[in-house]
Amino acid sequence: MTTKLAATVAVAAALLAPSTAAAGGWATVGLDPVPTGVGPEQVWQVELTILQHGRTPLEDVHPQVIITRGGTRDVFPARATSEPGVYRAEVVFPSAGSWRYAVDDGFTQTHTFPPVRVVAGGSAKAPAGVADAAPAPAVHTGPGAGSGARADDGGPDIALALAIAAAACVAVAFGSVALRRRGPAAG
């Protein structure tokens, strides 16, 4: 009888795994447009809007803006504003050049954006082909993302959930065959 109970518990746990994997939280990040008119050593005051599942303003998180260029990496914490889900960071690009920037949403993932070119003399602009008026879509680089593939700002990883479900089915099938070969339990 204990073998059947153990098998039942194993099956239940295996079947719950995919739903747990797919139920993870995620957030979207909207931010001010690519900076224009900001040069090296000047402050870019950027507002971030962080929404859980793209809808509900996320409060009590600690997002940060991360800029990188070559071996240089600077992190700028964002502070909550009076508006729920809206945070403000003061970012300073230390030198002219092409800078990458990303936002760690303080919840589950990091959202990356196309690089910005900071030009001496007080102007920053998006690289050719990127509109100055609107932020580019984020590239999800957190858990479950493909290597640099564009995503819809995260969300549940359906492929992972399906793989776990398939593995659970295989485990249940093998377990069931093993139980049948053992014969009836000697109670």
Protein backbone atom coordinates (compact mmCIF):
# COMPACT_ATOMS: atom_id res chain seq x y z
CA MET A 1 0.00 0.00 0.00
CA THR A 2 2.84 2.43 0.73
CA THR A 3 4.26 1.93 -2.79
CA LYS A 4 0.94 3.01 -4.32
CA LEU A 5 0.80 6.04 -2.02
CA ALA A 6 4.35 7.01 -2.95
CA ALA A 7 3.53 6.63 -6.63
CA THR A 8 0.40 8.77 -6.24
CA VAL A 9 2.35 11.51 -4.47
CA ALA A 10 5.06 11.40 -7.17
CA VAL A 11 2.46 11.68 -9.94
CA ALA A 12 0.71 14.59 -8.22
CA ALA A 13 4.01 16.43 -7.71
CA ALA A 14 5.03 15.85 -11.32
CA LEU A 15 1.73 17.16 -12.64
CA LEU A 16 1.90 20.28 -10.45
CA ALA A 17 5.40 21.22 -11.65
CA PRO A 18 4.34 22.63 -15.05
CA SER A 19 1.63 24.82 -13.57
CA THR A 20 4.05 26.17 -10.99
CA ALA A 21 6.68 26.89 -13.65
CA ALA A 22 4.18 28.74 -15.83
CA ALA A 23 2.71 30.75 -12.97
CA GLY A 24 5.85 32.80 -12.33
CA GLY A 25 5.61 36.55 -12.05
CA TRP A 26 6.90 38.93 -14.69
CA ALA A 27 6.84 42.62 -15.35
CA THR A 28 7.03 45.10 -18.18
CA VAL A 29 9.16 48.21 -18.06
CA GLY A 30 8.33 51.38 -19.91
CA LEU A 31 10.76 54.25 -19.75
CA ASP A 32 11.35 57.71 -21.11
CA PRO A 33 12.54 57.94 -24.72
CA VAL A 34 16.16 57.42 -25.66
CA PRO A 35 17.94 60.46 -24.24
CA THR A 36 18.50 63.40 -26.54
CA GLY A 37 20.48 66.42 -25.49
CA VAL A 38 22.40 64.56 -22.80
CA GLY A 39 26.15 64.47 -23.10
CA PRO A 40 28.93 62.95 -21.04
CA GLU A 41 28.75 63.74 -17.33
CA GLN A 42 25.23 65.20 -17.67
CA VAL A 43 22.25 63.80 -15.77
CA TRP A 44 19.53 61.90 -17.64
CA GLN A 45 16.49 61.85 -15.35
CA VAL A 46 14.58 58.82 -16.51
CA GLU A 47 11.19 57.62 -15.30
CA LEU A 48 10.46 53.91 -15.32
CA THR A 49 6.95 52.49 -15.24
CA ILE A 50 6.96 48.93 -13.97
CA LEU A 51 3.80 46.89 -14.39
CA GLN A 52 3.30 43.34 -13.12
CA HIS A 53 1.99 41.21 -16.00
CA GLY A 54 1.89 44.41 -18.04
CA ARG A 55 -1.11 45.74 -16.07
CA THR A 56 -0.73 46.27 -12.34
CA PRO A 57 1.69 48.96 -11.09
CA LEU A 58 4.45 47.24 -9.13
CA GLU A 59 5.26 48.88 -5.83
CA ASP A 60 7.94 48.13 -3.25
CA VAL A 61 10.53 46.92 -5.77
CA HIS A 62 14.03 48.30 -6.18
CA PRO A 63 14.69 48.78 -9.88
CA GLN A 64 17.97 50.03 -11.25
CA VAL A 65 19.27 51.33 -14.55
CA ILE A 66 22.49 49.67 -15.67
CA ILE A 67 24.76 51.22 -18.30
CA THR A 68 27.73 49.44 -19.87
CA ARG A 69 30.45 50.25 -22.35
CA GLY A 70 33.46 48.00 -22.77
CA GLY A 71 34.59 47.07 -19.28
CA THR A 72 32.73 49.96 -17.66
CA ARG A 73 29.50 49.19 -15.82
CA ASP A 74 27.56 51.69 -13.73
CA VAL A 75 24.36 51.05 -11.78
CA PHE A 76 21.87 53.78 -10.89
CA PRO A 77 19.13 52.93 -8.37
CA ALA A 78 15.63 54.17 -9.17
CA ARG A 79 13.48 55.57 -6.41
CA ALA A 80 9.72 55.38 -6.13
CA THR A 81 7.76 58.48 -7.07
CA SER A 82 4.36 59.40 -5.66
CA GLU A 83 2.71 57.54 -8.56
CA PRO A 84 2.31 53.76 -8.03
CA GLY A 85 4.65 51.73 -10.24
CA VAL A 86 6.65 54.77 -11.36
CA TYR A 87 10.31 55.10 -10.38
CA ARG A 88 12.93 57.75 -11.20
CA ALA A 89 16.65 57.31 -11.71
CA GLU A 90 19.37 59.84 -12.42
CA VAL A 91 21.73 58.29 -14.96
CA VAL A 92 25.09 59.78 -15.91
CA PHE A 93 27.02 58.51 -18.93
CA PRO A 94 30.65 59.06 -17.90
CA SER A 95 32.00 59.54 -21.42
CA ALA A 96 31.09 59.89 -25.06
CA GLY A 97 30.56 56.72 -27.08
CA SER A 98 28.04 53.97 -27.63
CA TRP A 99 26.47 52.89 -24.34
CA ARG A 100 24.19 49.95 -23.69
CA TYR A 101 21.53 50.33 -21.04
CA ALA A 102 19.22 47.95 -19.26
CA VAL A 103 16.68 48.04 -16.47
CA ASP A 104 16.68 45.48 -13.68
CA ASP A 105 13.01 45.70 -12.72
CA GLY A 106 13.73 44.66 -9.13
CA PHE A 107 11.15 41.91 -9.52
CA THR A 108 12.26 39.06 -11.77
CA GLN A 109 14.25 40.14 -14.80
CA THR A 110 16.46 42.55 -16.65
CA HIS A 111 15.18 44.37 -19.73
CA THR A 112 17.78 45.52 -22.26
CA PHE A 113 17.43 48.26 -24.84
CA PRO A 114 19.35 49.15 -28.00
CA PRO A 115 22.51 51.17 -27.38
CA VAL A 116 22.54 54.93 -27.26
CA ARG A 117 25.35 57.04 -28.65
CA VAL A 118 26.46 59.80 -26.27
CA VAL A 119 28.23 62.59 -28.12
CA ALA A 120 30.53 65.18 -26.58
CA GLY A 121 29.00 68.64 -26.67
CA GLY A 122 25.76 67.70 -24.97
CA SER A 123 23.81 65.50 -27.30
CA ALA A 124 22.92 61.86 -27.11
CA LYS A 125 21.09 60.08 -29.83
CA ALA A 126 19.89 56.67 -30.81
CA PRO A 127 21.99 54.79 -33.33
CA ALA A 128 20.91 54.99 -36.97
CA GLY A 129 17.55 53.34 -37.53
CA VAL A 130 16.26 53.84 -33.99
CA ALA A 131 13.67 56.57 -33.50
CA ASP A 132 14.54 59.27 -30.97
CA ALA A 133 10.91 59.80 -30.01
CA ALA A 134 10.09 56.44 -28.44
CA PRO A 135 11.90 53.80 -26.45
CA ALA A 136 12.76 50.60 -28.26
CA PRO A 137 11.11 47.40 -27.17
CA ALA A 138 12.90 45.61 -24.39
CA VAL A 139 14.82 42.41 -24.91
CA HIS A 140 14.16 39.93 -22.12
CA THR A 141 17.42 38.60 -20.68
CA GLY A 142 16.12 37.12 -17.47
CA PRO A 143 15.23 33.53 -16.64
CA GLY A 144 13.81 31.53 -19.51
CA ALA A 145 14.96 33.84 -22.30
CA GLY A 146 16.65 32.53 -25.39
CA SER A 147 20.15 33.77 -26.09
CA GLY A 148 19.43 37.40 -26.91
CA ALA A 149 16.13 36.65 -28.62
CA ARG A 150 13.52 39.34 -28.50
CA ALA A 151 10.63 38.52 -26.25
CA ASP A 152 7.37 40.10 -25.21
CA ASP A 153 8.98 41.41 -22.03
CA GLY A 154 8.99 38.09 -20.28
CA GLY A 155 5.92 36.24 -19.23
CA PRO A 156 5.62 32.60 -18.41
CA ASP A 157 8.01 30.36 -20.29
CA ILE A 158 5.53 28.08 -22.05
CA ALA A 159 8.24 25.97 -23.70
CA LEU A 160 9.77 25.24 -20.30
CA ALA A 161 6.36 24.34 -18.84
CA LEU A 162 5.67 21.97 -21.75
CA ALA A 163 9.10 20.34 -21.39
CA ILE A 164 8.48 19.79 -17.68
CA ALA A 165 5.02 18.36 -18.43
CA ALA A 166 6.50 15.99 -21.02
CA ALA A 167 9.20 14.88 -18.57
CA ALA A 168 6.52 14.33 -15.92
CA CYS A 169 4.50 12.18 -18.31
CA VAL A 170 7.56 10.07 -19.13
CA ALA A 171 8.34 9.68 -15.42
CA VAL A 172 4.76 8.62 -14.68
CA ALA A 173 4.83 6.11 -17.55
CA PHE A 174 8.10 4.56 -16.37
CA GLY A 175 6.89 4.50 -12.77
CA SER A 176 3.68 2.80 -13.77
CA VAL A 177 5.55 0.14 -15.78
CA ALA A 178 7.90 -0.46 -12.85
CA LEU A 179 4.97 -0.89 -10.45
CA ARG A 180 3.25 -3.37 -12.78
CA ARG A 181 6.42 -5.45 -13.11
CA ARG A 182 6.80 -5.65 -9.33
CA GLY A 183 3.40 -7.24 -9.05
CA PRO A 184 0.87 -6.73 -6.27
CA ALA A 185 2.21 -5.20 -3.09
CA ALA A 186 2.57 -7.56 -0.20
CA GLY A 187 0.54 -5.55 2.24
